[in-house]
Amino acid sequence: MVTVLVGAATLVVAAPPAGAVVRRTATLHTTGAYVYVRNGPTSTNRIVAAVRQGTRLSVNCQVFGQGMAGRARTTGYWDKLTSGAYLSDAYVRWYPNRSVPWCSASGHRAVAAVYSRTATVTVHRGPDTRYAVVGRLSNRQRFGVACQQWGQRVQGPRTSSPIWNVLATGRQVPDALTLWRPGRPALPWCGQSPWSGPVSQSTFIRRVAPGAQAGQRAYRVPASVTIAQAILESGWGSSGLTRRDHNYFGIKCFGNPGQVAVGCRSYATHECGGGRCWKTRASFRVYRNLNGSMVDHGRWLAERPRYAGAFRYRLSPERFAMAIHRAGYATSPVYAANLIRIMRRYHLYRFNR
């Protein structure tokens, strides 16, 4: 049996009466005898237990993880059980309906409430105060959040932020005017595809090749270079940046996500310069899916003057790779050499035709 606070989970503007609860059940629903539960929301996370068909589940909160297809549904939502393990919601049957709060960074249920110096906060139709006002929320009033969207930067009592929290109705509240307790969850961006799963090297090449060829037609970037960069930058699609946020090329945010990406997220990374490398954190672009990353990669190279000289070699992929490296595409001193090695080893030149 699962007890869920309505105000913490349902995607509505109005908060429920104080003390109101909805009792729901969650039951494992699968075609097999059991389903594995893991220590994280992907199929690559360590298995910690096996749950048998028909087991009544105790669910604490939810996160957005790898997309899974199960008997109940196809989804990217994973349920964090009270045991601390994660189970894909693709295998969970809910009664009477599904309503699960987000997990905070600490793994506890996250509750959103209005946080402002004024008595009320306006709710807008889009992520900007220039959009029509479609409602108001009282200070400290709870509300449910479906996803997040990048928009106008708003100054709040503690910080400023360009992130807007989107309700199930599509109405939006600035995150700078939102208080998350006990902490802010890692929300998906609106329209974002779930985390991708691991694939073989041959499947990875087949997956990214059409986008690379489309980029060659639209932006004149050799497809073989694009594929090699995707392999190198994403670790064959295994990096967290790629799996979670569909960024195959490590393109960073410099204040905003640009015209194609849907948002920005901070990741641990490393930089090199002056003959040494060091660990740091940086803000990277978030895409809805693979296609967005491929399009933005071509635009990134074609629209920046420092890479203009590389396009003299668009029919010579190896010289193109060396030219973008010299222009500062990556800080690794062996970046171009690695691209050339990958293009030769996997015969990527065939995709330039």
Protein backbone atom coordinates (compact mmCIF):
# COMPACT_ATOMS: atom_id res chain seq x y z
CA MET A 1 0.00 0.00 0.00
CA VAL A 2 1.34 3.46 -0.94
CA THR A 3 0.31 6.73 0.65
CA VAL A 4 1.10 9.84 -1.42
CA LEU A 5 0.58 13.49 -0.51
CA VAL A 6 -1.60 15.01 -3.19
CA GLY A 7 0.05 18.43 -3.10
CA ALA A 8 3.47 16.86 -3.58
CA ALA A 9 2.58 14.71 -6.53
CA THR A 10 -0.51 15.56 -8.54
CA LEU A 11 0.10 17.92 -11.41
CA VAL A 12 -2.43 20.64 -10.54
CA VAL A 13 -2.18 24.26 -9.53
CA ALA A 14 -4.35 24.18 -6.43
CA ALA A 15 -3.09 22.47 -3.28
CA PRO A 16 -5.35 19.95 -1.52
CA PRO A 17 -6.91 20.57 1.87
CA ALA A 18 -4.51 20.16 4.78
CA GLY A 19 -4.07 16.54 5.73
CA ALA A 20 -5.77 15.15 2.63
CA VAL A 21 -4.26 11.91 1.33
CA VAL A 22 -4.93 9.51 -1.50
CA ARG A 23 -4.24 5.82 -0.95
CA ARG A 24 -2.92 4.06 -4.01
CA THR A 25 -1.52 0.65 -4.78
CA ALA A 26 1.39 -0.19 -7.04
CA THR A 27 1.83 -3.78 -8.20
CA LEU A 28 4.52 -5.38 -10.35
CA HIS A 29 2.99 -6.21 -13.72
CA THR A 30 5.20 -8.17 -16.12
CA THR A 31 5.10 -11.00 -18.63
CA GLY A 32 7.91 -12.86 -16.85
CA ALA A 33 8.23 -14.32 -13.38
CA TYR A 34 10.17 -11.36 -11.99
CA VAL A 35 11.84 -8.02 -12.78
CA TYR A 36 15.22 -6.79 -11.55
CA VAL A 37 15.47 -3.68 -9.40
CA ARG A 38 18.68 -1.64 -9.54
CA ASN A 39 20.69 0.96 -7.68
CA GLY A 40 19.91 3.62 -10.32
CA PRO A 41 17.43 4.43 -13.10
CA THR A 42 19.11 2.64 -16.03
CA SER A 43 19.62 -0.91 -17.22
CA THR A 44 23.37 -0.52 -16.67
CA ASN A 45 23.00 0.15 -12.96
CA ARG A 46 23.82 -2.68 -10.60
CA ILE A 47 21.08 -5.24 -9.90
CA VAL A 48 20.22 -5.30 -6.19
CA ALA A 49 17.19 -7.61 -6.10
CA ALA A 50 14.53 -9.38 -8.14
CA VAL A 51 10.82 -8.65 -7.60
CA ARG A 52 8.24 -11.30 -8.46
CA GLN A 53 5.14 -10.77 -10.60
CA GLY A 54 2.20 -9.49 -8.56
CA THR A 55 4.27 -8.12 -5.68
CA ARG A 56 2.75 -5.12 -3.92
CA LEU A 57 5.29 -2.28 -4.11
CA SER A 58 6.08 0.53 -1.70
CA VAL A 59 7.06 3.57 -3.81
CA ASN A 60 8.71 6.64 -2.33
CA CYS A 61 9.29 8.97 -5.30
CA GLN A 62 10.19 9.06 -9.01
CA VAL A 63 13.08 10.04 -11.28
CA PHE A 64 13.45 10.38 -15.04
CA GLY A 65 15.76 7.70 -16.42
CA GLN A 66 16.29 5.25 -19.26
CA GLY A 67 13.33 4.55 -21.52
CA MET A 68 11.91 1.06 -21.01
CA ALA A 69 9.09 -0.89 -22.66
CA GLY A 70 7.16 -3.10 -20.25
CA ARG A 71 3.79 -4.73 -19.95
CA ALA A 72 2.24 -1.74 -18.20
CA ARG A 73 3.60 1.01 -20.46
CA THR A 74 6.62 2.43 -22.31
CA THR A 75 8.18 5.17 -20.22
CA GLY A 76 11.30 6.89 -18.96
CA TYR A 77 9.99 7.18 -15.39
CA TRP A 78 11.56 5.03 -12.67
CA ASP A 79 10.07 4.51 -9.24
CA LYS A 80 12.36 4.70 -6.24
CA LEU A 81 11.11 2.13 -3.75
CA THR A 82 11.22 2.69 -0.02
CA SER A 83 14.03 0.11 0.03
CA GLY A 84 16.15 2.58 -1.99
CA ALA A 85 16.14 0.46 -5.16
CA TYR A 86 14.87 1.67 -8.55
CA LEU A 87 12.25 -0.05 -10.72
CA SER A 88 11.11 1.09 -14.16
CA ASP A 89 7.50 2.25 -14.07
CA ALA A 90 7.05 0.32 -17.31
CA TYR A 91 6.42 -2.72 -15.10
CA VAL A 92 4.11 -1.15 -12.50
CA ARG A 93 0.32 -1.25 -12.47
CA TRP A 94 -1.26 1.56 -10.45
CA TYR A 95 -4.69 1.71 -8.87
CA PRO A 96 -6.71 3.89 -9.07
CA ASN A 97 -4.16 6.02 -10.96
CA ARG A 98 -0.52 7.02 -10.93
CA SER A 99 0.59 9.99 -8.83
CA VAL A 100 4.19 9.99 -7.62
CA PRO A 101 6.27 12.91 -6.28
CA TRP A 102 9.72 13.67 -7.66
CA CYS A 103 12.84 12.55 -5.81
CA SER A 104 15.13 15.27 -4.53
CA ALA A 105 18.90 14.98 -4.92
CA SER A 106 19.00 13.35 -1.48
CA GLY A 107 16.52 10.70 -2.62
CA HIS A 108 13.57 11.96 -0.58
CA ARG A 109 10.23 13.22 -1.87
CA ALA A 110 10.53 16.75 -3.25
CA VAL A 111 7.70 19.23 -2.69
CA ALA A 112 7.39 22.48 -4.67
CA ALA A 113 5.86 25.59 -3.14
CA VAL A 114 5.68 29.26 -4.10
CA TYR A 115 8.48 31.31 -2.54
CA SER A 116 8.17 35.07 -2.98
CA ARG A 117 8.41 38.37 -1.16
CA THR A 118 4.91 39.18 -2.44
CA ALA A 119 1.57 37.73 -1.37
CA THR A 120 0.94 36.05 -4.74
CA VAL A 121 2.86 34.96 -7.82
CA THR A 122 1.45 35.14 -11.32
CA VAL A 123 1.25 31.99 -13.44
CA HIS A 124 1.98 32.51 -17.13
CA ARG A 125 1.09 30.73 -20.35
CA GLY A 126 4.76 30.46 -21.33
CA PRO A 127 8.28 30.85 -19.88
CA ASP A 128 8.33 34.65 -19.93
CA THR A 129 6.48 37.38 -18.07
CA ARG A 130 5.36 38.74 -21.44
CA TYR A 131 3.12 35.68 -21.85
CA ALA A 132 -0.48 36.05 -20.70
CA VAL A 133 -1.21 35.73 -16.99
CA VAL A 134 -3.44 32.67 -16.54
CA GLY A 135 -3.61 32.40 -12.75
CA ARG A 136 -2.10 33.24 -9.40
CA LEU A 137 -0.60 31.21 -6.58
CA SER A 138 -0.41 32.33 -2.97
CA ASN A 139 2.95 32.56 -1.25
CA ARG A 140 3.93 29.13 0.19
CA GLN A 141 1.18 27.38 -1.81
CA ARG A 142 2.19 23.94 -3.05
CA PHE A 143 1.92 22.96 -6.70
CA GLY A 144 2.87 20.01 -8.87
CA VAL A 145 5.53 20.15 -11.61
CA ALA A 146 5.57 18.04 -14.77
CA CYS A 147 8.80 19.25 -16.40
CA GLN A 148 11.01 22.32 -16.82
CA GLN A 149 11.58 24.81 -19.61
CA TRP A 150 14.24 27.42 -20.40
CA GLY A 151 12.99 30.98 -20.63
CA GLN A 152 13.28 34.50 -19.24
CA ARG A 153 15.65 34.90 -16.30
CA VAL A 154 13.70 35.88 -13.18
CA GLN A 155 15.10 37.23 -9.93
CA GLY A 156 13.79 35.49 -6.81
CA PRO A 157 14.34 36.08 -3.09
CA ARG A 158 17.52 33.98 -3.08
CA THR A 159 18.69 33.61 -6.66
CA SER A 160 17.91 34.31 -10.30
CA SER A 161 17.17 31.57 -12.82
CA PRO A 162 16.05 31.17 -16.46
CA ILE A 163 14.30 27.88 -15.59
CA TRP A 164 10.51 27.73 -15.46
CA ASN A 165 8.53 24.93 -13.85
CA VAL A 166 5.71 23.64 -16.05
CA LEU A 167 2.48 22.29 -14.63
CA ALA A 168 0.47 19.51 -16.28
CA THR A 169 -1.80 22.20 -17.74
CA GLY A 170 1.19 23.80 -19.50
CA ARG A 171 1.07 26.84 -17.24
CA GLN A 172 4.42 27.98 -15.92
CA VAL A 173 5.99 29.33 -12.74
CA PRO A 174 9.57 30.66 -12.44
CA ASP A 175 11.90 28.30 -10.60
CA ALA A 176 13.44 31.34 -8.92
CA LEU A 177 10.06 31.77 -7.18
CA THR A 178 9.84 28.08 -6.25
CA LEU A 179 10.98 26.56 -2.98
CA TRP A 180 11.82 22.86 -3.22
CA ARG A 181 11.89 20.85 0.00
CA PRO A 182 13.99 19.01 1.00
CA GLY A 183 15.83 19.81 -2.26
CA ARG A 184 15.35 20.42 -5.96
CA PRO A 185 14.82 17.29 -8.09
CA ALA A 186 16.60 16.62 -11.40
CA LEU A 187 13.60 17.38 -13.59
CA PRO A 188 13.36 16.42 -17.25
CA TRP A 189 13.12 19.21 -19.79
CA CYS A 190 9.73 19.38 -21.46
CA GLY A 191 9.60 17.14 -24.53
CA GLN A 192 12.91 15.47 -23.69
CA SER A 193 13.30 11.81 -24.62
CA PRO A 194 14.24 9.39 -21.82
CA TRP A 195 17.83 8.34 -21.24
CA SER A 196 19.22 6.19 -24.05
CA GLY A 197 20.37 2.63 -23.46
CA PRO A 198 23.70 0.98 -24.32
CA VAL A 199 24.20 -0.25 -27.89
CA SER A 200 26.92 -2.06 -29.85
CA GLN A 201 29.48 -0.11 -31.86
CA SER A 202 27.92 -1.10 -35.18
CA THR A 203 24.46 -0.08 -33.96
CA PHE A 204 25.82 3.22 -32.71
CA ILE A 205 27.32 4.04 -36.11
CA ARG A 206 24.06 3.13 -37.87
CA ARG A 207 22.14 5.30 -35.41
CA VAL A 208 24.21 8.48 -35.85
CA ALA A 209 25.05 8.14 -39.56
CA PRO A 210 21.77 9.54 -40.99
CA GLY A 211 22.07 12.67 -38.87
CA ALA A 212 25.71 13.07 -39.84
CA GLN A 213 24.82 12.79 -43.52
CA ALA A 214 22.00 15.31 -43.08
CA GLY A 215 24.52 17.66 -41.45
CA GLN A 216 26.85 17.22 -44.43
CA ARG A 217 24.06 18.23 -46.81
CA ALA A 218 22.90 21.18 -44.71
CA TYR A 219 26.17 22.51 -43.28
CA ARG A 220 28.96 20.88 -45.39
CA VAL A 221 30.53 19.15 -42.39
CA PRO A 222 31.98 15.79 -43.60
CA ALA A 223 29.78 13.00 -42.26
CA SER A 224 32.82 10.89 -41.36
CA VAL A 225 34.14 13.66 -39.12
CA THR A 226 30.76 14.08 -37.41
CA ILE A 227 30.47 10.34 -36.72
CA ALA A 228 34.04 10.16 -35.41
CA GLN A 229 33.39 13.14 -33.13
CA ALA A 230 30.21 11.51 -31.81
CA ILE A 231 32.14 8.30 -31.07
CA LEU A 232 34.98 10.13 -29.34
CA GLU A 233 32.96 12.73 -27.44
CA SER A 234 30.26 10.35 -26.21
CA GLY A 235 32.33 7.21 -25.65
CA TRP A 236 30.16 5.30 -28.12
CA GLY A 237 27.05 6.79 -26.48
CA SER A 238 28.00 5.63 -22.99
CA SER A 239 28.68 9.00 -21.33
CA GLY A 240 26.17 10.38 -18.86
CA LEU A 241 25.92 13.58 -20.88
CA THR A 242 24.91 11.59 -23.95
CA ARG A 243 22.65 9.02 -22.31
CA ARG A 244 20.82 11.50 -20.12
CA ASP A 245 20.76 14.70 -22.16
CA HIS A 246 21.42 13.47 -25.72
CA ASN A 247 24.50 15.67 -26.13
CA TYR A 248 26.80 13.64 -28.41
CA PHE A 249 29.47 16.30 -28.96
CA GLY A 250 30.08 17.90 -25.59
CA ILE A 251 28.77 21.27 -26.78
CA LYS A 252 28.69 23.63 -23.83
CA CYS A 253 26.24 26.30 -22.78
CA PHE A 254 27.63 29.80 -22.71
CA GLY A 255 24.83 31.55 -20.86
CA ASN A 256 22.01 29.96 -22.85
CA PRO A 257 21.22 26.76 -24.78
CA GLY A 258 21.05 28.38 -28.22
CA GLN A 259 18.34 27.86 -30.82
CA VAL A 260 18.23 24.05 -30.89
CA ALA A 261 18.94 22.75 -27.36
CA VAL A 262 16.18 22.88 -24.75
CA GLY A 263 18.26 23.68 -21.69
CA CYS A 264 21.57 23.47 -19.85
CA ARG A 265 22.88 21.13 -17.16
CA SER A 266 26.11 21.10 -15.15
CA TYR A 267 28.47 18.12 -15.36
CA ALA A 268 31.88 17.21 -14.03
CA THR A 269 34.45 17.31 -16.82
CA HIS A 270 38.12 17.99 -17.48
CA GLU A 271 39.97 20.60 -19.47
CA CYS A 272 43.49 20.70 -20.88
CA GLY A 273 45.85 23.57 -21.60
CA GLY A 274 49.45 24.59 -21.19
CA GLY A 275 50.57 20.99 -21.20
CA ARG A 276 48.37 19.89 -18.31
CA CYS A 277 44.77 18.76 -17.65
CA TRP A 278 42.51 19.36 -14.66
CA LYS A 279 39.06 18.47 -13.35
CA THR A 280 36.31 21.09 -13.37
CA ARG A 281 32.56 21.53 -13.88
CA ALA A 282 30.88 23.03 -16.92
CA SER A 283 27.39 23.69 -18.23
CA PHE A 284 26.43 21.60 -21.27
CA ARG A 285 23.56 21.81 -23.72
CA VAL A 286 20.57 19.51 -23.29
CA TYR A 287 18.71 18.18 -26.34
CA ARG A 288 15.32 16.58 -26.80
CA ASN A 289 16.89 13.69 -28.69
CA LEU A 290 19.75 12.59 -30.94
CA ASN A 291 18.49 14.62 -33.90
CA GLY A 292 18.71 17.87 -31.98
CA SER A 293 22.34 17.19 -31.09
CA MET A 294 23.25 16.36 -34.68
CA VAL A 295 21.63 19.52 -36.04
CA ASP A 296 23.25 21.75 -33.44
CA HIS A 297 26.69 20.26 -34.14
CA GLY A 298 26.51 21.27 -37.81
CA ARG A 299 25.20 24.73 -36.95
CA TRP A 300 27.91 25.18 -34.31
CA LEU A 301 30.71 24.63 -36.83
CA ALA A 302 29.10 26.44 -39.76
CA GLU A 303 28.09 29.60 -37.89
CA ARG A 304 31.32 30.33 -36.01
CA PRO A 305 33.91 32.38 -37.91
CA ARG A 306 36.87 30.64 -36.30
CA TYR A 307 35.95 27.39 -38.09
CA ALA A 308 35.42 29.03 -41.49
CA GLY A 309 38.86 27.99 -42.73
CA ALA A 310 38.07 24.31 -42.14
CA PHE A 311 35.40 24.34 -44.83
CA ARG A 312 38.08 24.69 -47.48
CA TYR A 313 38.73 21.02 -46.69
CA ARG A 314 35.14 19.76 -46.66
CA LEU A 315 36.13 17.17 -49.30
CA SER A 316 39.17 16.12 -47.25
CA PRO A 317 37.87 14.84 -43.89
CA GLU A 318 41.28 14.40 -42.26
CA ARG A 319 42.37 17.94 -43.07
CA PHE A 320 38.96 19.18 -41.91
CA ALA A 321 39.50 17.43 -38.56
CA MET A 322 42.94 19.01 -38.15
CA ALA A 323 41.58 22.45 -39.07
CA ILE A 324 38.78 22.49 -36.48
CA HIS A 325 41.25 21.25 -33.88
CA ARG A 326 43.67 24.08 -34.66
CA ALA A 327 40.74 26.50 -34.43
CA GLY A 328 40.13 25.41 -30.83
CA TYR A 329 37.31 22.86 -31.03
CA ALA A 330 38.85 20.72 -28.26
CA THR A 331 41.60 21.25 -25.70
CA SER A 332 43.09 17.75 -25.96
CA PRO A 333 46.42 17.91 -27.84
CA VAL A 334 45.66 14.64 -29.67
CA TYR A 335 42.04 15.38 -30.59
CA ALA A 336 42.53 15.50 -34.38
CA ALA A 337 44.78 12.43 -34.35
CA ASN A 338 42.09 10.51 -32.47
CA LEU A 339 39.42 11.53 -34.98
CA ILE A 340 41.57 10.40 -37.89
CA ARG A 341 42.33 7.09 -36.20
CA ILE A 342 38.61 6.44 -35.67
CA MET A 343 37.68 7.39 -39.24
CA ARG A 344 40.28 4.99 -40.63
CA ARG A 345 39.58 2.10 -38.25
CA TYR A 346 35.82 2.05 -38.82
CA HIS A 347 35.90 3.03 -42.51
CA LEU A 348 33.74 6.07 -41.87
CA TYR A 349 34.67 7.71 -45.16
CA ARG A 350 31.95 5.62 -46.83
CA PHE A 351 29.32 7.88 -45.27
CA ASN A 352 30.63 10.93 -47.13
CA ARG A 353 29.14 9.80 -50.40
